[in-house]
Structures are given as C-alpha cells and as structure tokens.
N, C-alpha and C. Protein backbone atom coordinates (compact mmCIF):
# COMPACT_ATOMS: atom_id res chain seq x y z
N MET A 1 -91.48 -93.38 154.45
CA MET A 1 -90.08 -93.28 154.06
C MET A 1 -89.26 -93.10 155.34
N SER A 2 -88.16 -93.82 155.44
CA SER A 2 -87.35 -93.73 156.64
C SER A 2 -86.59 -92.42 156.65
N ASN A 3 -86.12 -92.04 157.81
CA ASN A 3 -85.37 -90.79 157.98
C ASN A 3 -84.10 -90.78 157.11
N ASN A 4 -83.43 -91.92 156.99
CA ASN A 4 -82.21 -91.99 156.18
C ASN A 4 -82.52 -91.74 154.70
N LYS A 5 -83.59 -92.35 154.20
CA LYS A 5 -83.96 -92.17 152.80
C LYS A 5 -84.41 -90.73 152.55
N LEU A 6 -85.17 -90.17 153.49
CA LEU A 6 -85.63 -88.78 153.36
C LEU A 6 -84.45 -87.83 153.38
N SER A 7 -83.52 -88.07 154.26
CA SER A 7 -82.32 -87.24 154.35
C SER A 7 -81.49 -87.35 153.07
N ALA A 8 -81.36 -88.55 152.54
CA ALA A 8 -80.61 -88.76 151.31
C ALA A 8 -81.31 -88.06 150.13
N ALA A 9 -82.64 -88.12 150.07
CA ALA A 9 -83.39 -87.47 149.00
C ALA A 9 -83.22 -85.95 149.07
N LYS A 10 -83.29 -85.40 150.28
CA LYS A 10 -83.09 -83.95 150.44
C LYS A 10 -81.68 -83.54 150.02
N SER A 11 -80.70 -84.35 150.40
CA SER A 11 -79.32 -84.07 150.05
C SER A 11 -79.13 -84.13 148.54
N LEU A 12 -79.76 -85.10 147.89
CA LEU A 12 -79.66 -85.23 146.45
C LEU A 12 -80.28 -84.03 145.75
N ASN A 13 -81.45 -83.59 146.21
CA ASN A 13 -82.09 -82.42 145.62
C ASN A 13 -81.24 -81.17 145.82
N TYR A 14 -80.64 -81.04 147.00
CA TYR A 14 -79.78 -79.89 147.26
C TYR A 14 -78.56 -79.91 146.34
N ASN A 15 -77.95 -81.09 146.18
CA ASN A 15 -76.78 -81.21 145.30
C ASN A 15 -77.13 -80.91 143.85
N GLN A 16 -78.28 -81.38 143.38
CA GLN A 16 -78.72 -81.11 142.02
C GLN A 16 -78.95 -79.61 141.82
N ALA A 17 -79.56 -78.98 142.83
CA ALA A 17 -79.83 -77.54 142.73
C ALA A 17 -78.52 -76.75 142.70
N SER A 18 -77.54 -77.13 143.54
CA SER A 18 -76.29 -76.39 143.53
C SER A 18 -75.51 -76.62 142.25
N LEU A 19 -75.60 -77.81 141.68
CA LEU A 19 -74.94 -78.05 140.39
C LEU A 19 -75.60 -77.23 139.29
N SER A 20 -76.91 -77.10 139.36
CA SER A 20 -77.64 -76.31 138.37
C SER A 20 -77.25 -74.84 138.47
N VAL A 21 -77.19 -74.31 139.67
CA VAL A 21 -76.79 -72.92 139.87
C VAL A 21 -75.36 -72.72 139.40
N PHE A 22 -74.48 -73.67 139.72
CA PHE A 22 -73.09 -73.59 139.30
C PHE A 22 -73.00 -73.57 137.77
N ALA A 23 -73.76 -74.41 137.11
CA ALA A 23 -73.74 -74.47 135.65
C ALA A 23 -74.22 -73.15 135.05
N ILE A 24 -75.24 -72.56 135.64
CA ILE A 24 -75.75 -71.28 135.15
C ILE A 24 -74.70 -70.18 135.32
N LEU A 25 -74.08 -70.12 136.49
CA LEU A 25 -73.05 -69.11 136.74
C LEU A 25 -71.85 -69.31 135.81
N LYS A 26 -71.46 -70.55 135.61
CA LYS A 26 -70.34 -70.85 134.71
C LYS A 26 -70.67 -70.39 133.29
N SER A 27 -71.89 -70.61 132.88
CA SER A 27 -72.32 -70.19 131.55
C SER A 27 -72.30 -68.66 131.41
N ILE A 28 -72.79 -67.98 132.42
CA ILE A 28 -72.83 -66.51 132.40
C ILE A 28 -71.42 -65.95 132.36
N PHE A 29 -70.54 -66.45 133.23
CA PHE A 29 -69.17 -65.93 133.27
C PHE A 29 -68.42 -66.27 131.98
N GLY A 30 -68.68 -67.44 131.44
CA GLY A 30 -68.05 -67.83 130.18
C GLY A 30 -68.47 -66.91 129.05
N ARG A 31 -69.76 -66.58 129.01
CA ARG A 31 -70.27 -65.68 127.97
C ARG A 31 -69.69 -64.28 128.13
N CYS A 32 -69.59 -63.81 129.38
CA CYS A 32 -69.01 -62.48 129.63
C CYS A 32 -67.55 -62.43 129.19
N LYS A 33 -66.81 -63.49 129.48
CA LYS A 33 -65.40 -63.54 129.09
C LYS A 33 -65.27 -63.53 127.57
N LYS A 34 -66.12 -64.33 126.90
CA LYS A 34 -66.09 -64.41 125.44
C LYS A 34 -66.43 -63.05 124.82
N GLU A 35 -67.45 -62.37 125.38
CA GLU A 35 -67.83 -61.06 124.86
C GLU A 35 -66.74 -60.03 125.10
N SER A 36 -66.07 -60.12 126.23
CA SER A 36 -64.97 -59.20 126.53
C SER A 36 -63.83 -59.38 125.53
N LEU A 37 -63.49 -60.61 125.24
CA LEU A 37 -62.43 -60.88 124.25
C LEU A 37 -62.86 -60.41 122.86
N GLU A 38 -64.13 -60.59 122.55
CA GLU A 38 -64.62 -60.16 121.24
C GLU A 38 -64.61 -58.64 121.13
N LYS A 39 -64.91 -57.94 122.22
CA LYS A 39 -64.83 -56.47 122.20
C LYS A 39 -63.41 -56.02 121.90
N ALA A 40 -62.43 -56.70 122.49
CA ALA A 40 -61.03 -56.37 122.23
C ALA A 40 -60.69 -56.63 120.77
N ASN A 41 -61.18 -57.74 120.22
CA ASN A 41 -60.94 -58.04 118.80
C ASN A 41 -61.56 -56.98 117.91
N ARG A 42 -62.75 -56.50 118.27
CA ARG A 42 -63.42 -55.49 117.45
C ARG A 42 -62.62 -54.19 117.44
N LYS A 43 -61.99 -53.87 118.56
CA LYS A 43 -61.16 -52.65 118.60
C LYS A 43 -59.97 -52.77 117.65
N GLU A 44 -59.46 -53.98 117.51
CA GLU A 44 -58.33 -54.21 116.61
C GLU A 44 -58.73 -54.01 115.14
N LEU A 45 -60.00 -54.14 114.84
CA LEU A 45 -60.46 -53.94 113.47
C LEU A 45 -60.24 -52.50 113.00
N ILE A 46 -60.18 -51.59 113.95
CA ILE A 46 -59.96 -50.17 113.61
C ILE A 46 -58.62 -50.02 112.87
N ALA A 47 -57.63 -50.80 113.29
CA ALA A 47 -56.32 -50.74 112.62
C ALA A 47 -56.44 -51.18 111.17
N LEU A 48 -57.28 -52.18 110.92
CA LEU A 48 -57.47 -52.63 109.54
C LEU A 48 -58.13 -51.54 108.69
N LEU A 49 -59.03 -50.79 109.30
CA LEU A 49 -59.69 -49.72 108.54
C LEU A 49 -58.73 -48.61 108.15
N LYS A 50 -57.60 -48.54 108.81
CA LYS A 50 -56.60 -47.51 108.48
C LYS A 50 -55.74 -47.89 107.27
N LEU A 51 -55.82 -49.17 106.88
CA LEU A 51 -55.07 -49.60 105.69
C LEU A 51 -55.75 -49.06 104.44
N ASP A 52 -54.96 -48.86 103.39
CA ASP A 52 -55.59 -48.39 102.15
C ASP A 52 -56.21 -49.59 101.41
N ASP A 53 -57.00 -49.28 100.38
CA ASP A 53 -57.75 -50.32 99.67
C ASP A 53 -56.85 -51.39 99.07
N HIS A 54 -55.71 -51.01 98.54
CA HIS A 54 -54.80 -51.98 97.94
C HIS A 54 -54.22 -52.94 98.98
N GLU A 55 -53.88 -52.42 100.14
CA GLU A 55 -53.36 -53.27 101.21
C GLU A 55 -54.43 -54.26 101.68
N LEU A 56 -55.64 -53.77 101.79
CA LEU A 56 -56.72 -54.66 102.20
C LEU A 56 -56.99 -55.74 101.15
N LEU A 57 -56.96 -55.35 99.89
CA LEU A 57 -57.18 -56.35 98.83
C LEU A 57 -56.09 -57.41 98.83
N ASP A 58 -54.87 -57.04 99.25
CA ASP A 58 -53.78 -58.01 99.35
C ASP A 58 -54.12 -59.13 100.33
N ILE A 59 -54.90 -58.82 101.35
CA ILE A 59 -55.29 -59.85 102.33
C ILE A 59 -56.72 -60.33 102.09
N GLY A 60 -57.30 -59.93 100.97
CA GLY A 60 -58.60 -60.45 100.59
C GLY A 60 -59.78 -59.80 101.26
N LEU A 61 -59.63 -58.56 101.68
CA LEU A 61 -60.71 -57.85 102.37
C LEU A 61 -60.97 -56.49 101.73
N ARG A 62 -62.13 -55.97 102.02
CA ARG A 62 -62.49 -54.60 101.65
C ARG A 62 -62.95 -53.89 102.91
N LYS A 63 -62.94 -52.59 102.89
CA LYS A 63 -63.39 -51.83 104.07
C LYS A 63 -64.83 -52.17 104.42
N SER A 64 -65.64 -52.41 103.40
CA SER A 64 -67.04 -52.76 103.66
C SER A 64 -67.15 -54.08 104.42
N ASP A 65 -66.22 -55.01 104.18
CA ASP A 65 -66.21 -56.28 104.92
C ASP A 65 -65.96 -56.03 106.40
N ILE A 66 -65.00 -55.17 106.67
CA ILE A 66 -64.64 -54.88 108.06
C ILE A 66 -65.78 -54.16 108.77
N LYS A 67 -66.39 -53.21 108.09
CA LYS A 67 -67.52 -52.49 108.68
C LYS A 67 -68.69 -53.43 108.93
N PHE A 68 -68.90 -54.37 108.02
CA PHE A 68 -69.96 -55.36 108.21
C PHE A 68 -69.70 -56.19 109.46
N VAL A 69 -68.47 -56.67 109.61
CA VAL A 69 -68.13 -57.50 110.76
C VAL A 69 -68.27 -56.72 112.06
N GLN A 70 -67.92 -55.43 112.03
CA GLN A 70 -68.07 -54.61 113.23
C GLN A 70 -69.53 -54.47 113.64
N SER A 71 -70.44 -54.56 112.69
CA SER A 71 -71.86 -54.38 112.98
C SER A 71 -72.53 -55.64 113.51
N LEU A 72 -71.84 -56.77 113.47
CA LEU A 72 -72.42 -58.02 113.92
C LEU A 72 -72.51 -58.06 115.45
N PRO A 73 -73.41 -58.86 115.99
CA PRO A 73 -73.50 -59.00 117.46
C PRO A 73 -72.21 -59.59 118.02
N LEU A 74 -71.93 -59.30 119.28
CA LEU A 74 -70.71 -59.79 119.92
C LEU A 74 -70.67 -61.31 120.03
N SER A 75 -71.81 -61.94 119.88
CA SER A 75 -71.84 -63.40 119.94
C SER A 75 -71.22 -64.03 118.70
N VAL A 76 -70.99 -63.23 117.65
CA VAL A 76 -70.37 -63.72 116.42
C VAL A 76 -68.89 -63.35 116.45
N SER A 77 -68.04 -64.33 116.23
CA SER A 77 -66.59 -64.09 116.25
C SER A 77 -66.18 -63.28 115.02
N SER A 78 -65.59 -62.12 115.27
CA SER A 78 -65.15 -61.27 114.15
C SER A 78 -64.02 -61.94 113.37
N ALA A 79 -63.14 -62.63 114.07
CA ALA A 79 -62.02 -63.31 113.39
C ALA A 79 -62.55 -64.42 112.49
N ASP A 80 -63.47 -65.21 113.01
CA ASP A 80 -64.04 -66.30 112.19
C ASP A 80 -64.78 -65.74 110.98
N LYS A 81 -65.54 -64.69 111.18
CA LYS A 81 -66.31 -64.11 110.08
C LYS A 81 -65.38 -63.52 109.02
N LEU A 82 -64.32 -62.82 109.44
CA LEU A 82 -63.37 -62.27 108.47
C LEU A 82 -62.67 -63.38 107.69
N ASN A 83 -62.32 -64.46 108.37
CA ASN A 83 -61.70 -65.59 107.68
C ASN A 83 -62.66 -66.22 106.68
N GLU A 84 -63.92 -66.29 107.06
CA GLU A 84 -64.94 -66.82 106.15
C GLU A 84 -65.07 -65.92 104.91
N ILE A 85 -65.07 -64.61 105.13
CA ILE A 85 -65.16 -63.66 104.02
C ILE A 85 -63.94 -63.80 103.12
N ARG A 86 -62.76 -63.89 103.74
CA ARG A 86 -61.52 -64.02 102.97
C ARG A 86 -61.50 -65.30 102.14
N SER A 87 -62.01 -66.38 102.71
CA SER A 87 -61.99 -67.65 101.98
C SER A 87 -62.91 -67.62 100.76
N CYS A 88 -63.91 -66.76 100.81
CA CYS A 88 -64.84 -66.62 99.67
C CYS A 88 -64.44 -65.50 98.73
N SER A 89 -63.37 -64.80 99.06
CA SER A 89 -62.98 -63.61 98.31
C SER A 89 -62.42 -63.97 96.93
N LYS A 90 -62.89 -63.24 95.97
CA LYS A 90 -62.36 -63.43 94.61
C LYS A 90 -61.11 -62.61 94.38
N TYR A 91 -60.70 -61.85 95.42
CA TYR A 91 -59.55 -60.95 95.28
C TYR A 91 -58.23 -61.63 95.62
N LEU A 92 -58.30 -62.82 96.20
CA LEU A 92 -57.04 -63.50 96.59
C LEU A 92 -56.42 -64.22 95.42
C-alpha cells in the first residue's frame, strides 16, 4: 500500500472514531438535558397534588394518577403519560 493510501486510511479511521465519540457524547448530553427537564416537570406535579379531588376530576385526573406518574422512571415523559391517562379517563 502506498504512503498516500495508508495515510488516507489512517485519516479515515481517525475521522470515524471522532464521529463515533461525538455521537456518544451528544447522546449522553441529550439524555442528561431530557432528564433534567423531566425532573423539573415532576416537581410541577406537586402543585397538582394540592388540588382537591373535584378540581382534579375536572381535568380528568385523580391523585393516584399523579402519584403513579411520579413513580415512573425519568425516561418516561410525565406530561405524555398524564395526557394518555386523561384521554382514557371516563371522568371527562
């Protein structure tokens, strides 16, 4: 293999490796950002727990729904799950 081809192959491997590392870091930071936003959303659920049962039923929720959503892993969107629960609610 000529020096030019060898140099090009090394450069290609280096570029692939740096793209792979970049993709991994981007994924990690993206997940951290998403979890941070979800933690903030979960804190907002406390305000919903302060509503009385009638107020919650007006929006199609029960306290047990909110407590259930709070117990889910941070990888699950609390807003999406509450909307899913509300859409299935017989109270609306």
